[in-house]
Amino acid sequence: MKALFGGSFNPVHIGHLIVARDILETFGFEEIIFVPAYLQPLKDKLFLPPELRLELLRISIEEEKGFSIWDYEIRKKGISYTVDTLREFWKIYKEKPIFIIGEDSFESFHLWKEPTEILKLAKIIVVKRPRYKIDVDKIAKKIGYSIKFSEVDKEKSVDSNVLNDIDILIYNGRLVEISSTEIRNRLKSNKSIRYLLPDKAEKSLRRWWKNAF
């Protein structure tokens, strides 16, 4: 079973990689496929160019077994809608994927394009984030859909079969206090971003920043 990890990765950081590795090991998925957005509809204009974000992601996972990238949204350009990406995935792989998103992104799920269709096209793993609290029932009411959900901790022994009879799984993994916003703000303030993202990616981002500004 394949799992898609969607997001702007603006830029990718250690937290993204820790979450992906934990989920891969916890559920035993075939692979985690990172799907960087070209432009997300519910976020401000992306700070980093899509080509740069894609390159930073590539060099961050190049030596990571079980990780890959699907650059469909970058190549397609325009606003990236998850429902369209999932339909394209179905055309190519003929299977229902897992779709991984952060708790902060799921908070606005009722505003996404065709949210009920997304629940039919994929099983969703919502990763807990610091200082957020999910109310699945509230979101279900807003979209007019009876969402079947459960919750699991990283330390418990589980397998992918836990997803068979539910729409959404809330995943309590390691809470990593790193964000892409923090990295961008530190760059703006000329502060170190070392240890917040892989070494090669950090150096590449620093070079780009120096040339761009």
C-alpha atoms as a PDB file:
ATOM      1  CA  MET A   1       0.000   0.000   0.000  1.00  0.00           C
ATOM      2  CA  LYS A   2       1.307   3.429  -0.970  1.00  0.00           C
ATOM      3  CA  ALA A   3       0.966   6.564   1.136  1.00  0.00           C
ATOM      4  CA  LEU A   4       0.951  10.073  -0.333  1.00  0.00           C
ATOM      5  CA  PHE A   5       2.376  12.851   1.830  1.00  0.00           C
ATOM      6  CA  GLY A   6       1.002  16.120   0.497  1.00  0.00           C
ATOM      7  CA  GLY A   7       2.044  19.651   1.395  1.00  0.00           C
ATOM      8  CA  SER A   8       3.847  22.762   0.288  1.00  0.00           C
ATOM      9  CA  PHE A   9       7.164  21.665   1.892  1.00  0.00           C
ATOM     10  CA  ASN A  10       8.009  25.332   2.065  1.00  0.00           C
ATOM     11  CA  PRO A  11      10.714  24.228   2.783  1.00  0.00           C
ATOM     12  CA  VAL A  12      10.942  20.566   3.754  1.00  0.00           C
ATOM     13  CA  HIS A  13      12.370  20.107   7.250  1.00  0.00           C
ATOM     14  CA  ILE A  14      13.441  17.410   9.682  1.00  0.00           C
ATOM     15  CA  GLY A  15       9.938  17.203  11.127  1.00  0.00           C
ATOM     16  CA  HIS A  16       8.486  16.128   7.770  1.00  0.00           C
ATOM     17  CA  LEU A  17      11.085  13.373   7.459  1.00  0.00           C
ATOM     18  CA  ILE A  18      10.597  12.120  11.022  1.00  0.00           C
ATOM     19  CA  VAL A  19       6.823  11.903  10.525  1.00  0.00           C
ATOM     20  CA  ALA A  20       7.234  10.080   7.208  1.00  0.00           C
ATOM     21  CA  ARG A  21       9.721   7.577   8.647  1.00  0.00           C
ATOM     22  CA  ASP A  22       7.598   6.938  11.741  1.00  0.00           C
ATOM     23  CA  ILE A  23       4.480   6.292   9.645  1.00  0.00           C
ATOM     24  CA  LEU A  24       6.374   4.025   7.249  1.00  0.00           C
ATOM     25  CA  GLU A  25       7.696   1.944  10.139  1.00  0.00           C
ATOM     26  CA  THR A  26       4.466   1.973  12.158  1.00  0.00           C
ATOM     27  CA  PHE A  27       2.178   0.777   9.354  1.00  0.00           C
ATOM     28  CA  GLY A  28       4.611  -1.039   7.063  1.00  0.00           C
ATOM     29  CA  PHE A  29       3.512   0.790   3.926  1.00  0.00           C
ATOM     30  CA  GLU A  30       5.203   0.003   0.622  1.00  0.00           C
ATOM     31  CA  GLU A  31       6.504   3.561   0.367  1.00  0.00           C
ATOM     32  CA  ILE A  32       5.855   7.169   1.313  1.00  0.00           C
ATOM     33  CA  ILE A  33       5.426   9.362  -1.758  1.00  0.00           C
ATOM     34  CA  PHE A  34       5.967  13.073  -1.170  1.00  0.00           C
ATOM     35  CA  VAL A  35       3.665  15.254  -3.287  1.00  0.00           C
ATOM     36  CA  PRO A  36       4.805  18.895  -3.192  1.00  0.00           C
ATOM     37  CA  ALA A  37       2.122  21.418  -4.144  1.00  0.00           C
ATOM     38  CA  TYR A  38       2.667  23.995  -6.843  1.00  0.00           C
ATOM     39  CA  LEU A  39       0.309  26.464  -5.173  1.00  0.00           C
ATOM     40  CA  GLN A  40      -2.102  25.684  -2.349  1.00  0.00           C
ATOM     41  CA  PRO A  41      -5.532  27.367  -2.502  1.00  0.00           C
ATOM     42  CA  LEU A  42      -5.906  28.068   1.220  1.00  0.00           C
ATOM     43  CA  LYS A  43      -2.421  29.402   1.918  1.00  0.00           C
ATOM     44  CA  ASP A  44      -0.695  32.683   1.240  1.00  0.00           C
ATOM     45  CA  LYS A  45       1.549  33.010  -1.784  1.00  0.00           C
ATOM     46  CA  LEU A  46       4.358  30.505  -1.402  1.00  0.00           C
ATOM     47  CA  PHE A  47       7.575  32.023  -0.179  1.00  0.00           C
ATOM     48  CA  LEU A  48       9.909  29.662  -2.039  1.00  0.00           C
ATOM     49  CA  PRO A  49       9.741  28.896  -5.787  1.00  0.00           C
ATOM     50  CA  PRO A  50       8.236  25.471  -6.564  1.00  0.00           C
ATOM     51  CA  GLU A  51      11.374  24.322  -8.397  1.00  0.00           C
ATOM     52  CA  LEU A  52      13.490  25.110  -5.346  1.00  0.00           C
ATOM     53  CA  ARG A  53      11.107  23.340  -2.965  1.00  0.00           C
ATOM     54  CA  LEU A  54      11.161  20.287  -5.215  1.00  0.00           C
ATOM     55  CA  GLU A  55      14.969  20.279  -5.366  1.00  0.00           C
ATOM     56  CA  LEU A  56      15.296  20.647  -1.584  1.00  0.00           C
ATOM     57  CA  LEU A  57      12.933  17.719  -1.158  1.00  0.00           C
ATOM     58  CA  ARG A  58      14.899  15.615  -3.641  1.00  0.00           C
ATOM     59  CA  ILE A  59      18.242  16.107  -1.939  1.00  0.00           C
ATOM     60  CA  SER A  60      16.644  15.550   1.474  1.00  0.00           C
ATOM     61  CA  ILE A  61      15.337  12.063   0.661  1.00  0.00           C
ATOM     62  CA  GLU A  62      17.839  10.851  -1.946  1.00  0.00           C
ATOM     63  CA  GLU A  63      19.421   8.386   0.486  1.00  0.00           C
ATOM     64  CA  GLU A  64      16.215   7.460   2.317  1.00  0.00           C
ATOM     65  CA  LYS A  65      14.886   3.978   1.589  1.00  0.00           C
ATOM     66  CA  GLY A  66      11.116   3.857   1.197  1.00  0.00           C
ATOM     67  CA  PHE A  67      10.753   7.524   0.240  1.00  0.00           C
ATOM     68  CA  SER A  68      10.012   8.881  -3.242  1.00  0.00           C
ATOM     69  CA  ILE A  69       8.590  12.005  -4.889  1.00  0.00           C
ATOM     70  CA  TRP A  70       5.690  12.458  -7.284  1.00  0.00           C
ATOM     71  CA  ASP A  71       6.038  15.895  -8.872  1.00  0.00           C
ATOM     72  CA  TYR A  72       2.611  15.796 -10.551  1.00  0.00           C
ATOM     73  CA  GLU A  73       1.351  19.025  -8.953  1.00  0.00           C
ATOM     74  CA  ILE A  74       4.571  20.908  -9.730  1.00  0.00           C
ATOM     75  CA  ARG A  75       4.469  19.831 -13.383  1.00  0.00           C
ATOM     76  CA  LYS A  76       0.761  20.566 -13.703  1.00  0.00           C
ATOM     77  CA  LYS A  77       1.233  24.053 -12.243  1.00  0.00           C
ATOM     78  CA  GLY A  78      -1.675  26.190 -11.129  1.00  0.00           C
ATOM     79  CA  ILE A  79      -3.554  25.673  -7.871  1.00  0.00           C
ATOM     80  CA  SER A  80      -3.059  22.203  -6.397  1.00  0.00           C
ATOM     81  CA  TYR A  81      -6.314  20.522  -5.391  1.00  0.00           C
ATOM     82  CA  THR A  82      -5.965  17.247  -3.506  1.00  0.00           C
ATOM     83  CA  VAL A  83      -9.059  15.723  -5.105  1.00  0.00           C
ATOM     84  CA  ASP A  84      -7.551  16.196  -8.590  1.00  0.00           C
ATOM     85  CA  THR A  85      -4.250  14.661  -7.501  1.00  0.00           C
ATOM     86  CA  LEU A  86      -6.013  11.629  -6.031  1.00  0.00           C
ATOM     87  CA  ARG A  87      -8.002  11.110  -9.231  1.00  0.00           C
ATOM     88  CA  GLU A  88      -4.766  11.190 -11.216  1.00  0.00           C
ATOM     89  CA  PHE A  89      -3.213   8.687  -8.808  1.00  0.00           C
ATOM     90  CA  TRP A  90      -6.172   6.336  -9.349  1.00  0.00           C
ATOM     91  CA  LYS A  91      -5.669   6.553 -13.135  1.00  0.00           C
ATOM     92  CA  ILE A  92      -2.016   5.569 -12.829  1.00  0.00           C
ATOM     93  CA  TYR A  93      -1.952   3.006 -10.003  1.00  0.00           C
ATOM     94  CA  LYS A  94      -5.537   1.688  -9.930  1.00  0.00           C
ATOM     95  CA  GLU A  95      -5.513   1.566  -6.142  1.00  0.00           C
ATOM     96  CA  LYS A  96      -6.753   3.524  -3.151  1.00  0.00           C
ATOM     97  CA  PRO A  97      -3.876   5.346  -1.464  1.00  0.00           C
ATOM     98  CA  ILE A  98      -3.302   6.642   2.018  1.00  0.00           C
ATOM     99  CA  PHE A  99      -3.152  10.435   2.144  1.00  0.00           C
ATOM    100  CA  ILE A 100      -1.092  11.983   4.950  1.00  0.00           C
ATOM    101  CA  ILE A 101      -1.738  15.525   6.140  1.00  0.00           C
ATOM    102  CA  GLY A 102      -0.900  17.545   9.228  1.00  0.00           C
ATOM    103  CA  GLU A 103      -3.482  18.419  11.842  1.00  0.00           C
ATOM    104  CA  ASP A 104      -3.074  22.107  10.979  1.00  0.00           C
ATOM    105  CA  SER A 105      -4.091  21.437   7.363  1.00  0.00           C
ATOM    106  CA  PHE A 106      -6.984  19.166   8.317  1.00  0.00           C
ATOM    107  CA  GLU A 107      -8.443  21.981  10.397  1.00  0.00           C
ATOM    108  CA  SER A 108      -9.689  23.599   7.158  1.00  0.00           C
ATOM    109  CA  PHE A 109     -10.703  20.317   5.469  1.00  0.00           C
ATOM    110  CA  HIS A 110     -14.321  21.459   5.130  1.00  0.00           C
ATOM    111  CA  LEU A 111     -13.088  24.275   2.855  1.00  0.00           C
ATOM    112  CA  TRP A 112     -11.205  21.959   0.493  1.00  0.00           C
ATOM    113  CA  LYS A 113     -12.472  21.230  -2.994  1.00  0.00           C
ATOM    114  CA  GLU A 114     -14.876  18.244  -2.866  1.00  0.00           C
ATOM    115  CA  PRO A 115     -13.942  17.002   0.632  1.00  0.00           C
ATOM    116  CA  THR A 116     -16.445  14.132   0.574  1.00  0.00           C
ATOM    117  CA  GLU A 117     -14.968  12.893  -2.705  1.00  0.00           C
ATOM    118  CA  ILE A 118     -11.497  12.961  -1.136  1.00  0.00           C
ATOM    119  CA  LEU A 119     -12.775  10.629   1.592  1.00  0.00           C
ATOM    120  CA  LYS A 120     -13.974   8.215  -1.099  1.00  0.00           C
ATOM    121  CA  LEU A 121     -10.718   8.342  -3.071  1.00  0.00           C
ATOM    122  CA  ALA A 122      -8.284   7.839  -0.176  1.00  0.00           C
ATOM    123  CA  LYS A 123      -7.852   6.837   3.431  1.00  0.00           C
ATOM    124  CA  ILE A 124      -6.545   9.788   5.416  1.00  0.00           C
ATOM    125  CA  ILE A 125      -3.950   9.824   8.171  1.00  0.00           C
ATOM    126  CA  VAL A 126      -4.019  13.070  10.131  1.00  0.00           C
ATOM    127  CA  VAL A 127      -0.756  13.692  11.977  1.00  0.00           C
ATOM    128  CA  LYS A 128      -1.089  15.418  15.334  1.00  0.00           C
ATOM    129  CA  ARG A 129       0.684  18.771  15.586  1.00  0.00           C
ATOM    130  CA  PRO A 130       1.683  20.757  18.688  1.00  0.00           C
ATOM    131  CA  ARG A 131      -1.016  23.164  19.938  1.00  0.00           C
ATOM    132  CA  TYR A 132      -3.779  21.791  17.674  1.00  0.00           C
ATOM    133  CA  LYS A 133      -6.853  19.781  18.647  1.00  0.00           C
ATOM    134  CA  ILE A 134      -8.928  17.985  16.025  1.00  0.00           C
ATOM    135  CA  ASP A 135     -12.723  17.927  16.164  1.00  0.00           C
ATOM    136  CA  VAL A 136     -13.600  15.378  13.481  1.00  0.00           C
ATOM    137  CA  ASP A 137     -17.309  15.393  14.317  1.00  0.00           C
ATOM    138  CA  LYS A 138     -17.461  19.152  13.799  1.00  0.00           C
ATOM    139  CA  ILE A 139     -15.797  18.871  10.387  1.00  0.00           C
ATOM    140  CA  ALA A 140     -18.075  15.955   9.456  1.00  0.00           C
ATOM    141  CA  LYS A 141     -21.101  18.095  10.236  1.00  0.00           C
ATOM    142  CA  LYS A 142     -19.769  20.956   8.109  1.00  0.00           C
ATOM    143  CA  ILE A 143     -19.302  18.748   5.034  1.00  0.00           C
ATOM    144  CA  GLY A 144     -22.454  16.699   5.614  1.00  0.00           C
ATOM    145  CA  TYR A 145     -20.639  13.369   5.730  1.00  0.00           C
ATOM    146  CA  SER A 146     -20.527  10.701   8.423  1.00  0.00           C
ATOM    147  CA  ILE A 147     -16.795  10.293   8.974  1.00  0.00           C
ATOM    148  CA  LYS A 148     -15.616   7.047  10.536  1.00  0.00           C
ATOM    149  CA  PHE A 149     -12.399   7.683  12.435  1.00  0.00           C
ATOM    150  CA  SER A 150     -10.065   6.214  14.995  1.00  0.00           C
ATOM    151  CA  GLU A 151      -6.859   7.157  16.779  1.00  0.00           C
ATOM    152  CA  VAL A 152      -3.557   5.355  17.193  1.00  0.00           C
ATOM    153  CA  ASP A 153      -0.290   6.005  19.019  1.00  0.00           C
ATOM    154  CA  LYS A 154       3.129   5.461  17.482  1.00  0.00           C
ATOM    155  CA  GLU A 155       4.193   3.164  20.304  1.00  0.00           C
ATOM    156  CA  LYS A 156       1.346   0.704  19.710  1.00  0.00           C
ATOM    157  CA  SER A 157       1.776  -2.231  17.350  1.00  0.00           C
ATOM    158  CA  VAL A 158      -0.484  -1.625  14.349  1.00  0.00           C
ATOM    159  CA  ASP A 159      -0.655  -2.505  10.687  1.00  0.00           C
ATOM    160  CA  SER A 160      -2.317  -1.013   7.645  1.00  0.00           C
ATOM    161  CA  ASN A 161      -5.439  -3.151   8.220  1.00  0.00           C
ATOM    162  CA  VAL A 162      -6.489  -0.717  10.938  1.00  0.00           C
ATOM    163  CA  LEU A 163      -7.530   1.591   8.078  1.00  0.00           C
ATOM    164  CA  ASN A 164      -9.936  -0.871   6.457  1.00  0.00           C
ATOM    165  CA  ASP A 165     -13.148   0.201   8.181  1.00  0.00           C
ATOM    166  CA  ILE A 166     -12.491   3.896   8.763  1.00  0.00           C
ATOM    167  CA  ASP A 167     -12.099   7.072   6.708  1.00  0.00           C
ATOM    168  CA  ILE A 168      -9.614   8.911   8.893  1.00  0.00           C
ATOM    169  CA  LEU A 169      -6.927   7.796  11.315  1.00  0.00           C
ATOM    170  CA  ILE A 170      -5.543  10.315  13.787  1.00  0.00           C
ATOM    171  CA  TYR A 171      -1.878   9.499  14.315  1.00  0.00           C
ATOM    172  CA  ASN A 172      -0.235  10.434  17.615  1.00  0.00           C
ATOM    173  CA  GLY A 173       3.429  10.304  16.702  1.00  0.00           C
ATOM    174  CA  ARG A 174       6.399  12.306  17.876  1.00  0.00           C
ATOM    175  CA  LEU A 175       5.489  15.974  18.200  1.00  0.00           C
ATOM    176  CA  VAL A 176       8.299  17.830  16.431  1.00  0.00           C
ATOM    177  CA  GLU A 177       8.516  21.541  17.226  1.00  0.00           C
ATOM    178  CA  ILE A 178       9.805  22.583  13.799  1.00  0.00           C
ATOM    179  CA  SER A 179       7.867  24.390  11.099  1.00  0.00           C
ATOM    180  CA  SER A 180       8.550  25.738   7.629  1.00  0.00           C
ATOM    181  CA  THR A 181       7.359  29.134   8.860  1.00  0.00           C
ATOM    182  CA  GLU A 182      10.054  29.120  11.533  1.00  0.00           C
ATOM    183  CA  ILE A 183      12.720  28.377   8.928  1.00  0.00           C
ATOM    184  CA  ARG A 184      11.535  31.184   6.650  1.00  0.00           C
ATOM    185  CA  ASN A 185      11.398  33.632   9.548  1.00  0.00           C
ATOM    186  CA  ARG A 186      14.904  32.697  10.650  1.00  0.00           C
ATOM    187  CA  LEU A 187      16.160  33.267   7.119  1.00  0.00           C
ATOM    188  CA  LYS A 188      14.548  36.698   7.076  1.00  0.00           C
ATOM    189  CA  SER A 189      16.228  37.514  10.399  1.00  0.00           C
ATOM    190  CA  ASN A 190      19.587  36.176   9.220  1.00  0.00           C
ATOM    191  CA  LYS A 191      19.582  33.475  11.900  1.00  0.00           C
ATOM    192  CA  SER A 192      20.921  29.941  11.601  1.00  0.00           C
ATOM    193  CA  ILE A 193      18.667  27.237  10.180  1.00  0.00           C
ATOM    194  CA  ARG A 194      21.187  24.492  10.827  1.00  0.00           C
ATOM    195  CA  TYR A 195      19.722  21.212  12.168  1.00  0.00           C
ATOM    196  CA  LEU A 196      16.197  22.241  11.097  1.00  0.00           C
ATOM    197  CA  LEU A 197      16.525  20.520   7.718  1.00  0.00           C
ATOM    198  CA  PRO A 198      19.014  18.037   6.239  1.00  0.00           C
ATOM    199  CA  ASP A 199      22.535  19.412   5.844  1.00  0.00           C
ATOM    200  CA  LYS A 200      22.612  19.371   2.024  1.00  0.00           C
ATOM    201  CA  ALA A 201      19.207  21.025   1.837  1.00  0.00           C
ATOM    202  CA  GLU A 202      20.223  23.659   4.390  1.00  0.00           C
ATOM    203  CA  LYS A 203      23.307  24.602   2.387  1.00  0.00           C
ATOM    204  CA  SER A 204      21.364  24.705  -0.882  1.00  0.00           C
ATOM    205  CA  LEU A 205      18.654  26.893   0.646  1.00  0.00           C
ATOM    206  CA  ARG A 206      21.266  29.237   2.123  1.00  0.00           C
ATOM    207  CA  ARG A 207      22.922  29.637  -1.286  1.00  0.00           C
ATOM    208  CA  TRP A 208      19.600  30.386  -2.940  1.00  0.00           C
ATOM    209  CA  TRP A 209      18.700  32.913  -0.233  1.00  0.00           C
ATOM    210  CA  LYS A 210      22.025  34.702  -0.567  1.00  0.00           C
ATOM    211  CA  ASN A 211      21.634  35.032  -4.343  1.00  0.00           C
ATOM    212  CA  ALA A 212      17.953  35.982  -4.216  1.00  0.00           C
ATOM    213  CA  PHE A 213      18.275  38.618  -1.510  1.00  0.00           C
END
